[in-house]
Amino acid sequence: MRILSSIITLLIPLAVFAQPQFSKPHGLYTQSSITVGISPVFPGAEVRYTMDGSTPTINSQRYSGELTLKKTTLLRAVEVVDGEVVSPVATSSYIFMHSVLSQPDNPEGYPSRWGDYTDISGYAIADYGMDPEMTGDATLRSKIEQGMKDLPILSIVTDKDNLFGFEKDSVTGGIYIYTGPPVGDGTGHGWTRQASAELIGGPMQHDMSINCGLRLHGGHGRLAEKNPKHSFRLVFKKEYGAGKLEYPLFGEGEPAEFDQLVLRCHFGNSWQHWGEWGREKAQFSRDLWARRMQRRMGHTAVNGLYAHLFLNGMYWGLYNIAERVDDLYGKMHFGGKKSEYDVIKIEESGGNHIEASEGDLEAWDLLTSTVNNAHDPIAYNRLQGKNENGDYDPELEKL
């Protein structure tokens, strides 16, 4: 027994790279039910699992045989040896079309209200359900079903309190309740929660699963009174799972390493915009079309694709998955090292202050101070890396 225990102790560090395996792939299912089995990778391990998106522990249900699934199910599992979890969490989302079309407005265990308004009194009333006027129409129903198949599905799964917990705490508070800047007391600023992300199907037949961090993204679009539908950011760090995402998300020949991805929900010019003037201009195609045309003309622009977002198994709408402009973006698109790039942005906490999210402001400050004097021929030449005579000088950096 002592020898067996020693062998297990030696093998456990190796097991953390393996996850339980599911007998059926994650995906969109049109049948009324399916059966799914779970197999451990680590010899002699038992499997503990959950079916509601919560993180499995040693106290979760013990797997003893195939599971019959009859509705959208978020199957998550870990391997346990001697009362210790020895694997990362494995997640597989089984999206049933009939569950999507009948998605209720009061899902069990989820709050009836979301975050408090910031600049006005009141709070956002939760909105989970599919529109029965749409799903109940035979013609539209078939179009919805086809539309679900035409684009990839991005399924994000996390403990529901990570999204909708009302505890005002930086570790346990819900990021959909405490949305952070740009106005108010800043509660929620930088809060990141453990989650899993799966990209499934679509024209490229995506098949991606990764554990990652999840946080809100954007400025005024994260305010409850202005937009009930928020943008997210996926963060790839070792504290949440993989140190980075290595996957050909945007196709062959495009960068396939990412530290972060942005899930854009379309705030300006969208049907859910807080102002009537914004809803009248609602569109989903303009931004991504412009970026793609920019790239086809030989210039640099952010890659992106459309996907149906599911949040803990609930349909959350059409989103645009886009590259995040950071130092890795610079390296992958222009070459060199991450350390050679400064990334300049408006800080999230409001006030329109400039900050460097990576690197520093030294080169930026030199650029802007020189631009302010560009009416001077010497300063104008300096911008282009030329000396005062207008000749290129290898000692002068092009700004």
Protein backbone atom coordinates (compact mmCIF):
# COMPACT_ATOMS: atom_id res chain seq x y z
CA MET A 1 0.00 0.00 0.00
CA ARG A 2 2.88 2.33 0.83
CA ILE A 3 4.43 1.70 -2.61
CA LEU A 4 1.08 2.36 -4.34
CA SER A 5 0.65 5.63 -2.41
CA SER A 6 4.15 6.71 -3.41
CA ILE A 7 3.43 5.99 -7.08
CA ILE A 8 0.20 8.00 -6.91
CA THR A 9 2.04 10.89 -5.25
CA LEU A 10 4.60 10.89 -8.09
CA LEU A 11 1.93 10.74 -10.80
CA ILE A 12 -0.40 13.43 -9.46
CA PRO A 13 1.71 16.36 -10.81
CA LEU A 14 1.50 14.77 -14.27
CA ALA A 15 -2.28 14.40 -14.01
CA VAL A 16 -2.92 18.12 -13.76
CA PHE A 17 -2.26 18.35 -17.50
CA ALA A 18 -5.04 15.84 -18.24
CA GLN A 19 -8.79 16.27 -17.96
CA PRO A 20 -11.76 13.92 -17.88
CA GLN A 21 -12.95 12.95 -21.35
CA PHE A 22 -16.56 13.17 -22.58
CA SER A 23 -17.95 10.55 -24.95
CA LYS A 24 -19.87 13.10 -27.04
CA PRO A 25 -18.52 16.40 -28.34
CA HIS A 26 -19.83 19.73 -27.14
CA GLY A 27 -22.20 21.31 -29.61
CA LEU A 28 -25.69 22.25 -30.75
CA TYR A 29 -28.11 19.31 -30.67
CA THR A 30 -31.52 19.14 -32.35
CA GLN A 31 -32.68 15.78 -30.98
CA SER A 32 -34.75 15.44 -27.81
CA SER A 33 -32.05 13.66 -25.76
CA ILE A 34 -28.52 12.27 -25.84
CA THR A 35 -26.40 10.06 -23.57
CA VAL A 36 -22.92 11.12 -22.47
CA GLY A 37 -20.22 9.19 -20.67
CA ILE A 38 -17.23 10.57 -18.75
CA SER A 39 -13.87 8.77 -18.57
CA PRO A 40 -10.96 9.63 -16.26
CA VAL A 41 -7.48 9.88 -17.71
CA PHE A 42 -5.61 9.27 -14.47
CA PRO A 43 -5.50 5.53 -13.56
CA GLY A 44 -7.79 4.68 -10.67
CA ALA A 45 -9.27 8.17 -10.41
CA GLU A 46 -12.96 8.75 -9.75
CA VAL A 47 -14.90 11.45 -11.56
CA ARG A 48 -16.95 14.13 -9.79
CA TYR A 49 -19.24 16.25 -11.92
CA THR A 50 -21.87 19.00 -12.04
CA MET A 51 -24.53 19.74 -14.66
CA ASP A 52 -25.40 23.37 -13.92
CA GLY A 53 -22.14 25.15 -14.72
CA SER A 54 -20.85 25.21 -11.14
CA THR A 55 -17.28 24.17 -10.42
CA PRO A 56 -17.10 20.49 -9.39
CA THR A 57 -15.38 19.57 -6.12
CA ILE A 58 -14.65 16.39 -4.18
CA ASN A 59 -18.18 16.69 -2.78
CA SER A 60 -19.92 16.88 -6.16
CA GLN A 61 -21.91 14.00 -7.64
CA ARG A 62 -19.79 10.89 -8.23
CA TYR A 63 -19.96 9.59 -11.79
CA SER A 64 -21.19 6.00 -11.98
CA GLY A 65 -22.59 5.59 -15.50
CA GLU A 66 -23.78 7.30 -18.68
CA LEU A 67 -25.90 10.42 -18.25
CA THR A 68 -29.07 11.08 -20.24
CA LEU A 69 -29.38 14.77 -21.18
CA LYS A 70 -32.77 16.14 -22.28
CA LYS A 71 -32.11 19.88 -22.15
CA THR A 72 -29.19 22.30 -22.41
CA THR A 73 -26.62 20.98 -19.96
CA LEU A 74 -23.25 22.35 -18.87
CA LEU A 75 -21.31 19.25 -17.94
CA ARG A 76 -18.21 19.92 -15.85
CA ALA A 77 -15.97 17.28 -14.31
CA VAL A 78 -12.75 16.75 -12.36
CA GLU A 79 -10.72 13.69 -11.43
CA VAL A 80 -10.24 12.84 -7.75
CA VAL A 81 -7.63 10.60 -6.13
CA ASP A 82 -7.47 10.00 -2.37
CA GLY A 83 -9.86 12.87 -1.72
CA GLU A 84 -7.85 15.36 -3.78
CA VAL A 85 -8.72 16.96 -7.11
CA VAL A 86 -5.88 16.05 -9.50
CA SER A 87 -7.09 17.57 -12.77
CA PRO A 88 -8.22 20.88 -14.20
CA VAL A 89 -11.96 21.31 -14.66
CA ALA A 90 -13.18 19.86 -17.95
CA THR A 91 -16.26 21.51 -19.44
CA SER A 92 -18.55 20.43 -22.26
CA SER A 93 -21.62 22.46 -23.25
CA TYR A 94 -24.52 20.56 -24.78
CA ILE A 95 -26.88 23.14 -26.28
CA PHE A 96 -30.33 21.80 -27.16
CA MET A 97 -32.26 23.75 -29.76
CA HIS A 98 -35.59 23.22 -28.00
CA SER A 99 -34.07 24.70 -24.81
CA VAL A 100 -32.90 27.76 -26.71
CA LEU A 101 -36.30 28.38 -28.30
CA SER A 102 -38.11 28.03 -24.96
CA GLN A 103 -35.56 29.91 -22.83
CA PRO A 104 -37.52 31.35 -19.86
CA ASP A 105 -37.38 34.84 -18.41
CA ASN A 106 -36.97 33.49 -14.87
CA PRO A 107 -34.26 30.80 -14.89
CA GLU A 108 -33.95 29.02 -11.58
CA GLY A 109 -31.30 30.45 -9.26
CA TYR A 110 -30.76 33.69 -11.18
CA PRO A 111 -31.74 37.16 -9.88
CA SER A 112 -34.71 39.15 -11.18
CA ARG A 113 -32.65 42.35 -11.23
CA TRP A 114 -29.14 43.23 -12.26
CA GLY A 115 -26.89 46.14 -11.32
CA ASP A 116 -28.03 49.43 -9.83
CA TYR A 117 -28.20 52.44 -12.09
CA THR A 118 -25.35 54.88 -11.64
CA ASP A 119 -26.48 58.32 -12.84
CA ILE A 120 -30.21 57.83 -12.24
CA SER A 121 -32.25 56.08 -9.56
CA GLY A 122 -33.38 52.48 -9.92
CA TYR A 123 -31.86 49.26 -11.18
CA ALA A 124 -31.78 47.13 -14.31
CA ILE A 125 -34.56 44.55 -14.56
CA ALA A 126 -33.08 41.19 -15.57
CA ASP A 127 -33.88 40.00 -19.08
CA TYR A 128 -33.10 36.35 -19.81
CA GLY A 129 -35.95 35.05 -21.95
CA MET A 130 -36.26 34.57 -25.69
CA ASP A 131 -39.00 36.66 -27.31
CA PRO A 132 -42.06 34.36 -27.70
CA GLU A 133 -43.37 36.56 -30.51
CA MET A 134 -40.29 35.50 -32.47
CA THR A 135 -39.85 31.90 -31.37
CA GLY A 136 -43.61 31.22 -31.59
CA ASP A 137 -43.81 32.24 -35.25
CA ALA A 138 -43.30 29.18 -37.46
CA THR A 139 -41.49 31.12 -40.20
CA LEU A 140 -39.19 33.00 -37.85
CA ARG A 141 -38.61 29.91 -35.72
CA SER A 142 -37.07 28.04 -38.65
CA LYS A 143 -34.87 31.04 -39.45
CA ILE A 144 -33.69 31.21 -35.83
CA GLU A 145 -32.83 27.51 -35.93
CA GLN A 146 -30.86 27.96 -39.15
CA GLY A 147 -29.16 31.08 -37.82
CA MET A 148 -27.93 29.16 -34.79
CA LYS A 149 -26.19 26.72 -37.14
CA ASP A 150 -24.75 29.34 -39.50
CA LEU A 151 -22.43 30.93 -36.93
CA PRO A 152 -20.16 29.38 -34.30
CA ILE A 153 -21.34 29.16 -30.70
CA LEU A 154 -19.21 30.62 -27.93
CA SER A 155 -20.21 29.07 -24.62
CA ILE A 156 -18.91 30.71 -21.45
CA VAL A 157 -19.46 28.75 -18.25
CA THR A 158 -18.75 29.92 -14.71
CA ASP A 159 -20.23 29.79 -11.21
CA LYS A 160 -23.36 31.92 -11.40
CA ASP A 161 -22.29 34.11 -8.45
CA ASN A 162 -19.22 35.10 -10.49
CA LEU A 163 -21.71 36.88 -12.73
CA PHE A 164 -24.73 37.65 -10.58
CA GLY A 165 -23.58 37.55 -6.95
CA PHE A 166 -24.75 40.55 -4.92
CA GLU A 167 -21.99 40.37 -2.33
CA LYS A 168 -20.00 43.58 -2.68
CA ASP A 169 -16.64 41.88 -2.56
CA SER A 170 -13.71 41.93 -4.98
CA VAL A 171 -13.39 38.14 -4.80
CA THR A 172 -17.00 36.97 -4.57
CA GLY A 173 -19.03 39.79 -6.14
CA GLY A 174 -20.76 39.35 -9.50
CA ILE A 175 -19.23 41.21 -12.45
CA TYR A 176 -22.65 41.67 -14.06
CA ILE A 177 -23.92 43.37 -10.89
CA TYR A 178 -20.85 45.48 -10.10
CA THR A 179 -19.75 46.56 -13.54
CA GLY A 180 -17.01 49.03 -12.59
CA PRO A 181 -16.09 52.31 -14.34
CA PRO A 182 -16.39 54.74 -16.03
CA VAL A 183 -18.56 56.55 -13.43
CA GLY A 184 -19.67 55.85 -9.89
CA ASP A 185 -17.53 54.47 -7.08
CA GLY A 186 -15.61 52.08 -9.35
CA THR A 187 -16.79 48.90 -7.65
CA GLY A 188 -16.03 46.05 -10.00
CA HIS A 189 -13.02 47.69 -11.65
CA GLY A 190 -10.65 44.95 -12.78
CA TRP A 191 -12.66 42.09 -11.26
CA THR A 192 -11.80 38.89 -13.12
CA ARG A 193 -13.48 35.53 -12.55
CA GLN A 194 -12.53 31.93 -13.34
CA ALA A 195 -14.48 30.55 -16.31
CA SER A 196 -14.31 28.19 -19.26
CA ALA A 197 -14.77 29.14 -22.90
CA GLU A 198 -15.76 26.83 -25.76
CA LEU A 199 -15.99 27.82 -29.42
CA ILE A 200 -18.07 25.33 -31.36
CA GLY A 201 -19.05 24.80 -35.01
CA GLY A 202 -19.79 27.48 -37.60
CA PRO A 203 -18.30 27.71 -41.12
CA MET A 204 -14.80 26.85 -39.83
CA GLN A 205 -16.09 23.98 -37.65
CA HIS A 206 -14.43 25.38 -34.53
CA ASP A 207 -13.60 23.00 -31.70
CA MET A 208 -11.93 24.92 -28.89
CA SER A 209 -12.07 24.54 -25.12
CA ILE A 210 -10.00 26.47 -22.60
CA ASN A 211 -10.10 27.58 -18.97
CA CYS A 212 -9.59 31.33 -18.68
CA GLY A 213 -10.44 34.51 -16.83
CA LEU A 214 -13.61 36.48 -17.54
CA ARG A 215 -14.15 40.20 -16.96
CA LEU A 216 -16.32 43.00 -18.30
CA HIS A 217 -15.00 45.23 -21.07
CA GLY A 218 -15.79 48.70 -22.33
CA GLY A 219 -16.75 52.15 -21.11
CA HIS A 220 -20.27 53.54 -20.82
CA GLY A 221 -21.69 50.37 -22.36
CA ARG A 222 -21.10 48.61 -19.03
CA LEU A 223 -23.53 50.94 -17.20
CA ALA A 224 -26.82 49.22 -16.36
CA GLU A 225 -28.98 52.20 -17.36
CA LYS A 226 -27.32 52.53 -20.76
CA ASN A 227 -26.97 48.93 -21.85
CA PRO A 228 -28.29 45.75 -20.21
CA LYS A 229 -26.09 43.69 -22.51
CA HIS A 230 -22.40 44.03 -21.73
CA SER A 231 -19.15 43.29 -23.51
CA PHE A 232 -16.66 40.85 -22.01
CA ARG A 233 -12.99 40.10 -22.15
CA LEU A 234 -11.39 36.66 -22.01
CA VAL A 235 -8.05 36.68 -20.17
CA PHE A 236 -5.52 33.89 -20.66
CA LYS A 237 -3.17 33.64 -17.68
CA LYS A 238 -1.80 30.67 -15.75
CA GLU A 239 -3.79 31.64 -12.67
CA TYR A 240 -6.98 30.90 -14.65
CA GLY A 241 -5.77 27.99 -16.80
CA ALA A 242 -3.57 28.16 -19.87
CA GLY A 243 -0.95 30.90 -19.97
CA LYS A 244 -2.21 31.90 -23.42
CA LEU A 245 -4.66 30.74 -26.06
CA GLU A 246 -2.93 28.94 -28.93
CA TYR A 247 -5.61 28.31 -31.52
CA PRO A 248 -6.18 29.42 -35.17
CA LEU A 249 -9.23 31.45 -34.23
CA PHE A 250 -9.27 33.61 -37.37
CA GLY A 251 -8.10 31.07 -39.90
CA GLU A 252 -4.92 30.01 -41.62
CA GLY A 253 -2.23 32.64 -41.96
CA GLU A 254 -3.54 34.83 -39.12
CA PRO A 255 -2.03 35.16 -35.63
CA ALA A 256 -2.90 32.15 -33.48
CA GLU A 257 -1.61 33.23 -30.05
CA PHE A 258 -3.63 35.44 -27.73
CA ASP A 259 -3.28 36.81 -24.22
CA GLN A 260 -6.77 38.36 -24.35
CA LEU A 261 -9.85 38.43 -26.56
CA VAL A 262 -12.68 40.96 -26.58
CA LEU A 263 -16.32 39.90 -26.88
CA ARG A 264 -18.02 42.98 -28.32
CA CYS A 265 -21.79 43.22 -27.85
CA HIS A 266 -22.29 46.37 -30.00
CA PHE A 267 -23.22 49.30 -27.77
CA GLY A 268 -23.37 52.26 -30.14
CA ASN A 269 -25.79 51.91 -33.08
CA SER A 270 -27.51 48.83 -31.64
CA TRP A 271 -31.10 47.83 -31.01
CA GLN A 272 -30.61 47.79 -27.21
CA HIS A 273 -28.95 51.24 -27.07
CA TRP A 274 -30.32 53.52 -24.35
CA GLY A 275 -31.06 56.35 -26.81
CA GLU A 276 -33.66 56.19 -29.56
CA TRP A 277 -31.21 57.80 -31.97
CA GLY A 278 -28.82 54.89 -31.39
CA ARG A 279 -31.48 52.25 -31.95
CA GLU A 280 -32.53 53.86 -35.23
CA LYS A 281 -29.01 53.28 -36.56
CA ALA A 282 -28.78 49.68 -35.32
CA GLN A 283 -26.39 47.51 -37.33
CA PHE A 284 -24.07 44.60 -36.73
CA SER A 285 -21.91 44.58 -39.84
CA ARG A 286 -20.21 47.97 -40.19
CA ASP A 287 -17.32 47.66 -37.74
CA LEU A 288 -16.14 44.21 -38.76
CA TRP A 289 -16.63 44.97 -42.47
CA ALA A 290 -14.45 48.07 -42.18
CA ARG A 291 -11.72 46.14 -40.40
CA ARG A 292 -11.73 43.38 -42.98
CA MET A 293 -11.52 45.90 -45.83
CA GLN A 294 -8.66 47.64 -44.04
CA ARG A 295 -6.76 44.35 -43.89
CA ARG A 296 -7.51 43.49 -47.54
CA MET A 297 -5.99 46.82 -48.56
CA GLY A 298 -2.75 45.77 -46.90
CA HIS A 299 -3.08 47.67 -43.64
CA THR A 300 -3.22 46.47 -40.06
CA ALA A 301 -6.55 46.04 -38.30
CA VAL A 302 -8.04 43.86 -35.60
CA ASN A 303 -9.25 40.42 -36.67
CA GLY A 304 -12.80 39.50 -35.69
CA LEU A 305 -15.63 37.05 -36.23
CA TYR A 306 -19.30 36.78 -35.29
CA ALA A 307 -20.57 34.20 -32.83
CA HIS A 308 -23.67 33.34 -30.82
CA LEU A 309 -22.78 33.84 -27.14
CA PHE A 310 -24.21 31.51 -24.52
CA LEU A 311 -23.68 32.52 -20.91
CA ASN A 312 -24.11 29.59 -18.53
CA GLY A 313 -26.23 27.88 -21.16
CA MET A 314 -28.49 30.91 -21.76
CA TYR A 315 -28.52 32.54 -25.18
CA TRP A 316 -27.04 36.02 -24.76
CA GLY A 317 -27.13 37.25 -28.34
CA LEU A 318 -24.89 38.01 -31.29
CA TYR A 319 -21.34 39.03 -30.35
CA ASN A 320 -18.18 39.94 -32.20
CA ILE A 321 -15.05 38.11 -31.02
CA ALA A 322 -12.08 40.41 -31.67
CA GLU A 323 -8.38 40.58 -31.00
CA ARG A 324 -7.37 42.73 -28.05
CA VAL A 325 -4.71 45.29 -28.97
CA ASP A 326 -1.91 44.54 -26.50
CA ASP A 327 1.83 43.88 -26.61
CA LEU A 328 1.31 40.32 -27.92
CA TYR A 329 -0.84 41.78 -30.73
CA GLY A 330 2.12 43.98 -31.65
CA LYS A 331 4.51 41.04 -31.65
CA MET A 332 2.22 38.78 -33.72
CA HIS A 333 1.38 41.44 -36.33
CA PHE A 334 4.66 43.38 -36.57
CA GLY A 335 7.34 41.07 -35.17
CA GLY A 336 9.93 41.67 -32.49
CA LYS A 337 9.38 41.15 -28.78
CA LYS A 338 6.43 42.01 -26.55
CA SER A 339 8.74 44.20 -24.48
CA GLU A 340 9.35 46.45 -27.50
CA TYR A 341 5.73 47.68 -27.62
CA ASP A 342 3.89 50.39 -25.74
CA VAL A 343 0.11 50.12 -25.75
CA ILE A 344 -1.60 53.45 -25.10
CA LYS A 345 -5.28 53.78 -24.19
CA ILE A 346 -7.84 55.80 -22.28
CA GLU A 347 -7.89 54.44 -18.73
CA GLU A 348 -10.98 52.43 -17.78
CA SER A 349 -11.68 54.35 -14.60
CA GLY A 350 -12.95 57.36 -16.54
CA GLY A 351 -11.75 60.94 -16.83
CA ASN A 352 -10.24 60.51 -20.32
CA HIS A 353 -6.73 60.11 -18.94
CA ILE A 354 -4.09 58.45 -21.09
CA GLU A 355 -2.26 55.43 -19.67
CA ALA A 356 0.06 52.69 -20.92
CA SER A 357 -1.55 49.28 -20.43
CA GLU A 358 1.78 47.78 -21.55
CA GLY A 359 5.14 49.52 -21.68
CA ASP A 360 5.33 53.21 -20.76
CA LEU A 361 4.40 56.70 -22.01
CA GLU A 362 7.91 57.90 -22.86
CA ALA A 363 7.67 57.52 -26.65
CA TRP A 364 4.03 58.67 -26.65
CA ASP A 365 4.90 61.86 -24.77
CA LEU A 366 7.76 62.57 -27.17
CA LEU A 367 5.43 62.07 -30.13
CA THR A 368 2.64 64.31 -28.83
CA SER A 369 4.98 67.07 -27.69
CA THR A 370 6.64 67.05 -31.11
CA VAL A 371 3.28 67.07 -32.92
CA ASN A 372 2.25 70.12 -30.92
CA ASN A 373 5.16 71.98 -32.52
CA ALA A 374 4.84 70.43 -35.99
CA HIS A 375 4.30 73.86 -37.55
CA ASP A 376 8.06 74.24 -36.98
CA PRO A 377 9.93 72.60 -39.92
CA ILE A 378 12.53 71.14 -37.55
CA ALA A 379 9.86 69.46 -35.43
CA TYR A 380 8.05 68.24 -38.56
CA ASN A 381 11.30 66.65 -39.80
CA ARG A 382 11.86 65.10 -36.36
CA LEU A 383 8.51 63.27 -36.61
CA GLN A 384 9.81 61.51 -39.71
CA GLY A 385 13.24 60.66 -38.32
CA LYS A 386 14.95 63.44 -40.28
CA ASN A 387 17.50 65.98 -39.10
CA GLU A 388 16.96 69.72 -39.32
CA ASN A 389 18.19 69.68 -42.93
CA GLY A 390 15.45 67.24 -43.95
CA ASP A 391 17.78 64.25 -44.37
CA TYR A 392 16.99 60.87 -42.76
CA ASP A 393 19.19 60.35 -39.72
CA PRO A 394 19.71 56.72 -38.58
CA GLU A 395 20.21 58.04 -35.05
CA LEU A 396 16.71 59.51 -34.97
CA GLU A 397 13.73 57.24 -34.43
CA LYS A 398 10.72 57.74 -36.68
CA LEU A 399 7.90 58.87 -34.44
